C-alpha atoms as a PDB file:
ATOM      1  CA  ILE A   1    -129.773 117.124-123.115  1.00  0.00           C
ATOM      2  CA  GLY A   2    -127.500 114.529-121.519  1.00  0.00           C
ATOM      3  CA  PRO A   3    -124.916 114.403-118.716  1.00  0.00           C
ATOM      4  CA  ALA A   4    -123.683 117.805-117.513  1.00  0.00           C
ATOM      5  CA  LYS A   5    -120.974 118.540-114.955  1.00  0.00           C
ATOM      6  CA  MET A   6    -122.255 121.037-112.365  1.00  0.00           C
ATOM      7  CA  GLU A   7    -120.823 122.906-109.392  1.00  0.00           C
ATOM      8  CA  PHE A   8    -122.849 124.624-106.669  1.00  0.00           C
ATOM      9  CA  TRP A   9    -121.082 127.162-104.433  1.00  0.00           C
ATOM     10  CA  THR A  10    -122.208 129.438-101.607  1.00  0.00           C
ATOM     11  CA  ARG A  11    -120.824 132.067 -99.257  1.00  0.00           C
ATOM     12  CA  ALA A  12    -122.225 134.163 -96.427  1.00  0.00           C
ATOM     13  CA  GLY A  13    -122.856 137.721 -97.595  1.00  0.00           C
ATOM     14  CA  THR A  14    -122.853 139.103-101.117  1.00  0.00           C
ATOM     15  CA  TYR A  15    -120.852 137.815-104.092  1.00  0.00           C
ATOM     16  CA  LYS A  16    -119.708 141.371-104.860  1.00  0.00           C
ATOM     17  CA  GLY A  17    -115.993 141.772-104.289  1.00  0.00           C
ATOM     18  CA  HIS A  18    -115.544 137.996-104.155  1.00  0.00           C
ATOM     19  CA  GLU A  19    -116.211 137.002-107.772  1.00  0.00           C
ATOM     20  CA  LYS A  20    -112.605 135.945-108.463  1.00  0.00           C
ATOM     21  CA  SER A  21    -111.664 134.150-105.233  1.00  0.00           C
ATOM     22  CA  SER A  22    -112.805 130.536-104.862  1.00  0.00           C
ATOM     23  CA  SER A  23    -111.141 130.411-101.421  1.00  0.00           C
ATOM     24  CA  GLU A  24    -113.919 132.676-100.106  1.00  0.00           C
ATOM     25  CA  TRP A  25    -116.657 130.278-101.221  1.00  0.00           C
ATOM     26  CA  ARG A  26    -117.774 126.840-100.054  1.00  0.00           C
ATOM     27  CA  LEU A  27    -118.276 124.130-102.674  1.00  0.00           C
ATOM     28  CA  LEU A  28    -121.474 122.216-101.884  1.00  0.00           C
ATOM     29  CA  PHE A  29    -121.874 120.074-104.987  1.00  0.00           C
ATOM     30  CA  ASN A  30    -119.457 118.928-107.684  1.00  0.00           C
ATOM     31  CA  SER A  31    -120.838 116.123-109.802  1.00  0.00           C
ATOM     32  CA  THR A  32    -122.684 115.186-112.980  1.00  0.00           C
ATOM     33  CA  VAL A  33    -126.430 115.606-113.437  1.00  0.00           C
ATOM     34  CA  GLN A  34    -128.754 114.593-116.248  1.00  0.00           C
ATOM     35  CA  GLY A  35    -129.529 117.697-118.306  1.00  0.00           C
ATOM     36  CA  ASN A  36    -133.109 117.940-119.561  1.00  0.00           C
ATOM     37  CA  GLY A  37    -132.647 120.649-122.163  1.00  0.00           C
ATOM     38  CA  LEU A  38    -133.187 124.407-122.325  1.00  0.00           C
ATOM     39  CA  ASP A  39    -136.200 125.835-120.439  1.00  0.00           C
ATOM     40  CA  VAL A  40    -136.878 122.470-118.759  1.00  0.00           C
ATOM     41  CA  PRO A  41    -135.826 122.084-115.083  1.00  0.00           C
ATOM     42  CA  THR A  42    -132.638 120.090-114.492  1.00  0.00           C
ATOM     43  CA  SER A  43    -132.459 119.145-110.817  1.00  0.00           C
ATOM     44  CA  ILE A  44    -129.620 118.761-108.354  1.00  0.00           C
ATOM     45  CA  PRO A  45    -131.426 116.107-106.283  1.00  0.00           C
ATOM     46  CA  ALA A  46    -132.203 116.548-102.591  1.00  0.00           C
ATOM     47  CA  GLY A  47    -129.539 114.780-100.551  1.00  0.00           C
ATOM     48  CA  SER A  48    -126.770 115.668-103.019  1.00  0.00           C
ATOM     49  CA  PHE A  49    -125.516 118.394-100.684  1.00  0.00           C
ATOM     50  CA  SER A  50    -126.069 119.449 -97.084  1.00  0.00           C
ATOM     51  CA  PRO A  51    -129.031 121.768 -96.468  1.00  0.00           C
ATOM     52  CA  ILE A  52    -128.038 125.444 -96.290  1.00  0.00           C
ATOM     53  CA  LEU A  53    -129.373 127.373 -93.299  1.00  0.00           C
ATOM     54  CA  VAL A  54    -130.036 131.034 -94.146  1.00  0.00           C
ATOM     55  CA  ASN A  55    -130.848 133.085 -91.076  1.00  0.00           C
ATOM     56  CA  THR A  56    -133.450 135.840 -90.828  1.00  0.00           C
ATOM     57  CA  ASP A  57    -132.321 139.055 -92.600  1.00  0.00           C
ATOM     58  CA  GLU A  58    -129.151 137.330 -93.848  1.00  0.00           C
ATOM     59  CA  LYS A  59    -127.840 137.835 -97.361  1.00  0.00           C
ATOM     60  CA  ARG A  60    -126.181 134.793 -98.947  1.00  0.00           C
ATOM     61  CA  ALA A  61    -124.529 134.396-102.329  1.00  0.00           C
ATOM     62  CA  PHE A  62    -124.848 131.374-104.626  1.00  0.00           C
ATOM     63  CA  TYR A  63    -122.874 130.389-107.714  1.00  0.00           C
ATOM     64  CA  VAL A  64    -124.181 127.691-110.051  1.00  0.00           C
ATOM     65  CA  ALA A  65    -121.401 126.826-112.491  1.00  0.00           C
ATOM     66  CA  CYS A  66    -120.694 124.584-115.460  1.00  0.00           C
ATOM     67  CA  PRO A  67    -116.924 123.981-115.168  1.00  0.00           C
ATOM     68  CA  LYS A  68    -116.639 122.518-118.685  1.00  0.00           C
ATOM     69  CA  GLY A  69    -118.244 125.422-120.516  1.00  0.00           C
ATOM     70  CA  ALA A  70    -121.617 127.045-121.115  1.00  0.00           C
ATOM     71  CA  CYS A  71    -124.533 124.763-120.251  1.00  0.00           C
ATOM     72  CA  GLN A  72    -127.065 127.083-118.575  1.00  0.00           C
ATOM     73  CA  GLY A  73    -129.727 129.375-119.923  1.00  0.00           C
ATOM     74  CA  TYR A  74    -129.962 132.880-118.492  1.00  0.00           C
ATOM     75  CA  ILE A  75    -131.863 136.150-118.877  1.00  0.00           C
ATOM     76  CA  LEU A  76    -130.346 139.543-119.612  1.00  0.00           C
ATOM     77  CA  GLY A  77    -130.847 141.805-116.627  1.00  0.00           C
ATOM     78  CA  THR A  78    -131.497 145.517-116.228  1.00  0.00           C
ATOM     79  CA  GLU A  79    -129.424 146.448-113.172  1.00  0.00           C
ATOM     80  CA  GLU A  80    -127.198 144.347-110.953  1.00  0.00           C
ATOM     81  CA  GLY A  81    -128.776 144.130-107.491  1.00  0.00           C
ATOM     82  CA  SER A  82    -132.335 144.783-108.666  1.00  0.00           C
ATOM     83  CA  VAL A  83    -135.098 142.541-107.319  1.00  0.00           C
ATOM     84  CA  VAL A  84    -135.977 139.655-109.654  1.00  0.00           C
ATOM     85  CA  GLU A  85    -138.476 137.726-107.546  1.00  0.00           C
ATOM     86  CA  SER A  86    -139.698 137.921-103.969  1.00  0.00           C
ATOM     87  CA  ASN A  87    -142.184 136.166-101.702  1.00  0.00           C
ATOM     88  CA  SER A  88    -142.949 136.290 -97.987  1.00  0.00           C
ATOM     89  CA  ASP A  89    -139.746 134.383 -97.187  1.00  0.00           C
ATOM     90  CA  MET A  90    -136.967 135.665 -99.447  1.00  0.00           C
ATOM     91  CA  ILE A  91    -135.815 137.937-102.261  1.00  0.00           C
ATOM     92  CA  ILE A  92    -133.726 136.958-105.307  1.00  0.00           C
ATOM     93  CA  TYR A  93    -131.661 139.717-106.942  1.00  0.00           C
ATOM     94  CA  GLU A  94    -130.066 140.216-110.343  1.00  0.00           C
ATOM     95  CA  GLY A  95    -126.441 139.133-110.439  1.00  0.00           C
ATOM     96  CA  ILE A  96    -123.711 138.370-112.941  1.00  0.00           C
ATOM     97  CA  GLY A  97    -122.719 135.727-115.469  1.00  0.00           C
ATOM     98  CA  ARG A  98    -119.326 133.999-115.350  1.00  0.00           C
ATOM     99  CA  ARG A  99    -117.277 132.211-117.961  1.00  0.00           C
ATOM    100  CA  LEU A 100    -115.409 129.144-116.689  1.00  0.00           C
ATOM    101  CA  GLY A 101    -115.021 129.142-112.922  1.00  0.00           C
ATOM    102  CA  PHE A 102    -113.603 132.094-111.033  1.00  0.00           C
ATOM    103  CA  ASP A 103    -111.084 133.221-113.658  1.00  0.00           C
ATOM    104  CA  GLY A 104    -113.269 133.860-116.694  1.00  0.00           C
ATOM    105  CA  ALA A 105    -114.931 137.004-117.968  1.00  0.00           C
ATOM    106  CA  ILE A 106    -117.781 138.627-116.013  1.00  0.00           C
ATOM    107  CA  TYR A 107    -121.043 139.605-117.731  1.00  0.00           C
ATOM    108  CA  SER A 108    -123.399 142.011-115.963  1.00  0.00           C
ATOM    109  CA  PRO A 109    -126.250 142.209-115.310  1.00  0.00           C
ATOM    110  CA  ARG A 110    -127.630 138.686-115.565  1.00  0.00           C
ATOM    111  CA  ILE A 111    -130.708 136.972-114.078  1.00  0.00           C
ATOM    112  CA  TRP A 112    -130.318 133.398-112.858  1.00  0.00           C
ATOM    113  CA  SER A 113    -132.852 131.038-114.436  1.00  0.00           C
ATOM    114  CA  GLY A 114    -133.641 128.356-111.880  1.00  0.00           C
ATOM    115  CA  SER A 115    -135.568 127.165-108.822  1.00  0.00           C
ATOM    116  CA  LEU A 116    -134.779 126.878-105.120  1.00  0.00           C
ATOM    117  CA  TYR A 117    -136.541 124.242-103.041  1.00  0.00           C
ATOM    118  CA  TYR A 118    -136.607 125.124 -99.350  1.00  0.00           C
ATOM    119  CA  SER A 119    -138.360 124.636 -96.025  1.00  0.00           C
ATOM    120  CA  LEU A 120    -138.756 127.002 -93.090  1.00  0.00           C
ATOM    121  CA  ALA A 121    -136.693 126.387 -89.989  1.00  0.00           C
ATOM    122  CA  PRO A 122    -138.884 126.166 -86.871  1.00  0.00           C
ATOM    123  CA  THR A 123    -139.151 129.126 -84.516  1.00  0.00           C
ATOM    124  CA  PRO A 124    -137.556 128.229 -81.166  1.00  0.00           C
ATOM    125  CA  GLU A 125    -140.035 127.745 -78.335  1.00  0.00           C
ATOM    126  CA  PRO A 126    -140.021 130.595 -75.793  1.00  0.00           C
ATOM    127  CA  THR A 127    -138.571 129.894 -72.373  1.00  0.00           C
ATOM    128  CA  SER A 128    -141.274 128.309 -70.200  1.00  0.00           C
ATOM    129  CA  ASN A 129    -140.197 130.242 -67.111  1.00  0.00           C
ATOM    130  CA  PRO A 130    -138.485 133.468 -68.148  1.00  0.00           C
ATOM    131  CA  THR A 131    -136.535 135.433 -65.568  1.00  0.00           C
ATOM    132  CA  PRO A 132    -139.080 137.823 -63.966  1.00  0.00           C
ATOM    133  CA  VAL A 133    -136.511 140.474 -63.088  1.00  0.00           C
ATOM    134  CA  PRO A 134    -133.369 141.325 -65.036  1.00  0.00           C
ATOM    135  CA  THR A 135    -129.998 140.792 -63.384  1.00  0.00           C
ATOM    136  CA  PRO A 136    -129.349 143.849 -61.200  1.00  0.00           C
ATOM    137  CA  ASN A 137    -125.618 143.910 -61.773  1.00  0.00           C
ATOM    138  CA  PRO A 138    -124.590 142.701 -65.227  1.00  0.00           C
ATOM    139  CA  THR A 139    -120.917 141.935 -65.864  1.00  0.00           C
ATOM    140  CA  GLY A 140    -118.994 145.151 -66.289  1.00  0.00           C
ATOM    141  CA  GLU A 141    -116.219 143.779 -68.479  1.00  0.00           C
ATOM    142  CA  PRO A 142    -116.428 141.068 -71.152  1.00  0.00           C
ATOM    143  CA  THR A 143    -114.548 137.825 -70.592  1.00  0.00           C
ATOM    144  CA  SER A 144    -110.955 138.161 -71.780  1.00  0.00           C
ATOM    145  CA  LEU A 145    -110.895 134.655 -73.255  1.00  0.00           C
ATOM    146  CA  PRO A 146    -113.709 132.927 -75.146  1.00  0.00           C
ATOM    147  CA  THR A 147    -115.345 129.805 -73.741  1.00  0.00           C
ATOM    148  CA  LEU A 148    -113.365 126.787 -74.907  1.00  0.00           C
ATOM    149  CA  ALA A 149    -116.041 124.138 -74.396  1.00  0.00           C
ATOM    150  CA  PRO A 150    -118.602 123.620 -77.198  1.00  0.00           C
ATOM    151  CA  THR A 151    -122.280 124.356 -76.640  1.00  0.00           C
ATOM    152  CA  ALA A 152    -123.860 121.798 -74.326  1.00  0.00           C
ATOM    153  CA  ASN A 153    -126.951 121.392 -76.502  1.00  0.00           C
ATOM    154  CA  PRO A 154    -126.342 121.218 -80.266  1.00  0.00           C
ATOM    155  CA  THR A 155    -128.513 123.298 -82.569  1.00  0.00           C
ATOM    156  CA  THR A 156    -131.419 121.398 -84.093  1.00  0.00           C
ATOM    157  CA  VAL A 157    -133.204 122.523 -87.258  1.00  0.00           C
ATOM    158  CA  ASP A 158    -136.251 120.619 -88.473  1.00  0.00           C
ATOM    159  CA  GLY A 159    -135.295 118.374 -91.375  1.00  0.00           C
ATOM    160  CA  MET A 160    -131.564 118.925 -90.854  1.00  0.00           C
ATOM    161  CA  LEU A 161    -128.870 117.126 -88.888  1.00  0.00           C
ATOM    162  CA  ASN A 162    -127.785 118.282 -85.456  1.00  0.00           C
ATOM    163  CA  LYS A 163    -124.420 120.027 -85.538  1.00  0.00           C
ATOM    164  CA  PHE A 164    -121.798 119.718 -82.790  1.00  0.00           C
ATOM    165  CA  GLN A 165    -118.260 120.957 -83.393  1.00  0.00           C
ATOM    166  CA  THR A 166    -115.024 122.062 -81.829  1.00  0.00           C
ATOM    167  CA  SER A 167    -113.429 125.337 -82.897  1.00  0.00           C
ATOM    168  CA  PHE A 168    -112.611 125.421 -86.619  1.00  0.00           C
ATOM    169  CA  ASP A 169    -109.077 126.771 -86.374  1.00  0.00           C
ATOM    170  CA  SER A 170    -105.611 125.240 -86.330  1.00  0.00           C
ATOM    171  CA  SER A 171    -102.037 125.794 -85.251  1.00  0.00           C
ATOM    172  CA  THR A 172    -100.412 122.838 -87.037  1.00  0.00           C
ATOM    173  CA  THR A 173    -101.208 120.027 -89.476  1.00  0.00           C
ATOM    174  CA  SER A 174    -100.924 116.235 -89.385  1.00  0.00           C
ATOM    175  CA  ALA A 175    -101.976 113.199 -91.388  1.00  0.00           C
ATOM    176  CA  GLY A 176    -104.709 112.165 -88.943  1.00  0.00           C
ATOM    177  CA  ASN A 177    -106.474 112.606 -85.607  1.00  0.00           C
ATOM    178  CA  MET A 178    -107.655 110.027 -83.088  1.00  0.00           C
ATOM    179  CA  PHE A 179    -110.181 111.147 -80.489  1.00  0.00           C
ATOM    180  CA  ASP A 180    -112.965 109.756 -78.288  1.00  0.00           C
ATOM    181  CA  ILE A 181    -116.655 110.623 -78.118  1.00  0.00           C
ATOM    182  CA  THR A 182    -118.713 109.889 -75.001  1.00  0.00           C
ATOM    183  CA  THR A 183    -122.496 109.881 -75.393  1.00  0.00           C
ATOM    184  CA  LYS A 184    -124.903 110.911 -72.646  1.00  0.00           C
ATOM    185  CA  ASP A 185    -128.540 109.831 -72.356  1.00  0.00           C
ATOM    186  CA  ASN A 186    -129.357 109.236 -76.042  1.00  0.00           C
ATOM    187  CA  ASP A 187    -128.237 106.834 -78.739  1.00  0.00           C
ATOM    188  CA  ILE A 188    -126.777 108.782 -81.653  1.00  0.00           C
ATOM    189  CA  GLU A 189    -125.842 108.177 -85.282  1.00  0.00           C
ATOM    190  CA  ILE A 190    -123.061 110.137 -86.938  1.00  0.00           C
ATOM    191  CA  ARG A 191    -124.152 110.713 -90.542  1.00  0.00           C
ATOM    192  CA  GLU A 192    -121.924 113.541 -91.759  1.00  0.00           C
ATOM    193  CA  ILE A 193    -118.466 114.814 -90.794  1.00  0.00           C
ATOM    194  CA  GLY A 194    -116.707 118.110 -91.435  1.00  0.00           C
ATOM    195  CA  ILE A 195    -112.907 118.074 -91.402  1.00  0.00           C
ATOM    196  CA  ASN A 196    -110.234 120.785 -91.428  1.00  0.00           C
ATOM    197  CA  THR A 197    -107.737 120.295 -94.273  1.00  0.00           C
ATOM    198  CA  TYR A 198    -105.249 122.745 -95.739  1.00  0.00           C
ATOM    199  CA  LYS A 199    -105.802 121.348 -99.225  1.00  0.00           C
ATOM    200  CA  ARG A 200    -107.958 123.060-101.847  1.00  0.00           C
ATOM    201  CA  SER A 201    -107.812 120.095-104.174  1.00  0.00           C
ATOM    202  CA  ASP A 202    -108.933 116.473-104.121  1.00  0.00           C
ATOM    203  CA  VAL A 203    -107.890 114.728-100.909  1.00  0.00           C
ATOM    204  CA  ASN A 204    -108.328 111.074 -99.940  1.00  0.00           C
ATOM    205  CA  ILE A 205    -110.006 110.619 -96.546  1.00  0.00           C
ATOM    206  CA  GLN A 206    -110.428 107.501 -94.432  1.00  0.00           C
ATOM    207  CA  ILE A 207    -112.684 107.238 -91.388  1.00  0.00           C
ATOM    208  CA  TRP A 208    -112.130 104.493 -88.831  1.00  0.00           C
ATOM    209  CA  THR A 209    -114.005 103.730 -85.608  1.00  0.00           C
ATOM    210  CA  LYS A 210    -113.928 101.319 -82.669  1.00  0.00           C
ATOM    211  CA  GLU A 211    -116.005 100.744 -79.552  1.00  0.00           C
ATOM    212  CA  GLY A 212    -114.242 102.089 -76.490  1.00  0.00           C
ATOM    213  CA  SER A 213    -111.313 104.471 -76.313  1.00  0.00           C
ATOM    214  CA  TYR A 214    -108.554 104.708 -78.904  1.00  0.00           C
ATOM    215  CA  GLN A 215    -106.001 104.697 -76.082  1.00  0.00           C
ATOM    216  CA  SER A 216    -103.825 101.565 -76.080  1.00  0.00           C
ATOM    217  CA  TYR A 217    -105.161 100.780 -79.590  1.00  0.00           C
ATOM    218  CA  ASP A 218    -103.439 103.563 -81.544  1.00  0.00           C
ATOM    219  CA  LYS A 219    -101.134 100.979 -83.221  1.00  0.00           C
ATOM    220  CA  ASP A 220    -103.584  98.060 -83.487  1.00  0.00           C
ATOM    221  CA  LEU A 221    -105.242  98.156 -86.940  1.00  0.00           C
ATOM    222  CA  ALA A 222    -107.183  94.957 -86.247  1.00  0.00           C
ATOM    223  CA  ALA A 223    -109.134  96.667 -83.453  1.00  0.00           C
ATOM    224  CA  TRP A 224    -110.628  99.246 -85.826  1.00  0.00           C
ATOM    225  CA  THR A 225    -113.380  99.206 -88.472  1.00  0.00           C
ATOM    226  CA  LYS A 226    -112.975 101.321 -91.614  1.00  0.00           C
ATOM    227  CA  VAL A 227    -116.288 103.008 -92.447  1.00  0.00           C
ATOM    228  CA  ALA A 228    -115.198 105.347 -95.264  1.00  0.00           C
ATOM    229  CA  ASP A 229    -112.433 105.601 -97.869  1.00  0.00           C
ATOM    230  CA  LEU A 230    -113.200 108.306-100.414  1.00  0.00           C
ATOM    231  CA  THR A 231    -111.972 111.429-102.177  1.00  0.00           C
ATOM    232  CA  VAL A 232    -113.450 114.856-101.415  1.00  0.00           C
ATOM    233  CA  LYS A 233    -112.751 118.399-102.590  1.00  0.00           C
ATOM    234  CA  GLY A 234    -110.719 120.202 -99.919  1.00  0.00           C
ATOM    235  CA  GLN A 235    -111.975 123.669 -98.924  1.00  0.00           C
ATOM    236  CA  GLY A 236    -108.723 124.928 -97.393  1.00  0.00           C
ATOM    237  CA  LEU A 237    -107.487 125.466 -93.863  1.00  0.00           C
ATOM    238  CA  ASP A 238    -110.045 126.436 -91.198  1.00  0.00           C
ATOM    239  CA  GLU A 239    -112.982 125.942 -93.615  1.00  0.00           C
ATOM    240  CA  PRO A 240    -115.242 122.867 -93.297  1.00  0.00           C
ATOM    241  CA  THR A 241    -114.583 120.160 -95.879  1.00  0.00           C
ATOM    242  CA  MET A 242    -117.672 117.974 -95.733  1.00  0.00           C
ATOM    243  CA  ILE A 243    -117.863 114.183 -95.889  1.00  0.00           C
ATOM    244  CA  GLN A 244    -121.486 114.108 -96.935  1.00  0.00           C
ATOM    245  CA  ALA A 245    -124.316 112.070 -95.486  1.00  0.00           C
ATOM    246  CA  GLY A 246    -124.814 108.998 -97.639  1.00  0.00           C
ATOM    247  CA  SER A 247    -121.128 108.602 -98.478  1.00  0.00           C
ATOM    248  CA  PHE A 248    -120.632 106.227 -95.532  1.00  0.00           C
ATOM    249  CA  GLU A 249    -122.835 104.071 -93.333  1.00  0.00           C
ATOM    250  CA  PRO A 250    -124.088 105.989 -90.266  1.00  0.00           C
ATOM    251  CA  ILE A 251    -121.942 105.325 -87.206  1.00  0.00           C
ATOM    252  CA  ALA A 252    -124.154 104.227 -84.293  1.00  0.00           C
ATOM    253  CA  ILE A 253    -123.015 104.995 -80.757  1.00  0.00           C
ATOM    254  CA  ARG A 254    -125.067 103.703 -77.843  1.00  0.00           C
ATOM    255  CA  ARG A 255    -126.066 105.971 -74.991  1.00  0.00           C
ATOM    256  CA  ASN A 256    -123.638 106.367 -72.074  1.00  0.00           C
ATOM    257  CA  SER A 257    -120.765 104.803 -74.018  1.00  0.00           C
ATOM    258  CA  ARG A 258    -117.384 105.801 -75.382  1.00  0.00           C
ATOM    259  CA  GLN A 259    -116.273 105.277 -78.996  1.00  0.00           C
END
């Protein structure tokens, strides 16, 4: 009972074969919570990390860790991979216990003692006017190069933020990027930002914005407003490092404008 440092990690696919490599996981939460004692729920509050979308028939691994030593209760399992609980939406399997991060001893099998709070993503509406006849002559060969432009309509999931991104890869590094956003027919608010950093340690990030283009103002500090100055845990090159919603004031951009 009292403050407890907690980490919450996830990765697409199983944890098996990836138990010792933090670079293959994404850190969602790294902070202190108020422990309520053994066999009493201790919550990581909603809003402390970005919602995790798990697609139909997808397997996803989770790792709940106490980086400063044992602080969780658990149940001895019978066989790693056996079903622990299931409902109409998901199945939870037996897993393993870890001692101190990704380098400590592994204990198997173990059953996680905890709760997941979730909602169902909406089923997309069917096309109102589907094509009555399939294309008679589909493309014979796939495109040699992938489409460079991002999707025109960002994915929307009920209760989650829209997501709109460029490709998450890199050919070089720098200390910062300036770029413009042009809105179309809707006002928008930017509430969360994912960046690409090579660091896998704490990194200080600043976010600045200005109405209109950055061009001709790339050396004029007075023309910009700083909206965030904080330290985040870097996830490594070509993996999203998230600047979470709530860590800066939403950035409002009016429709049909550039910022």
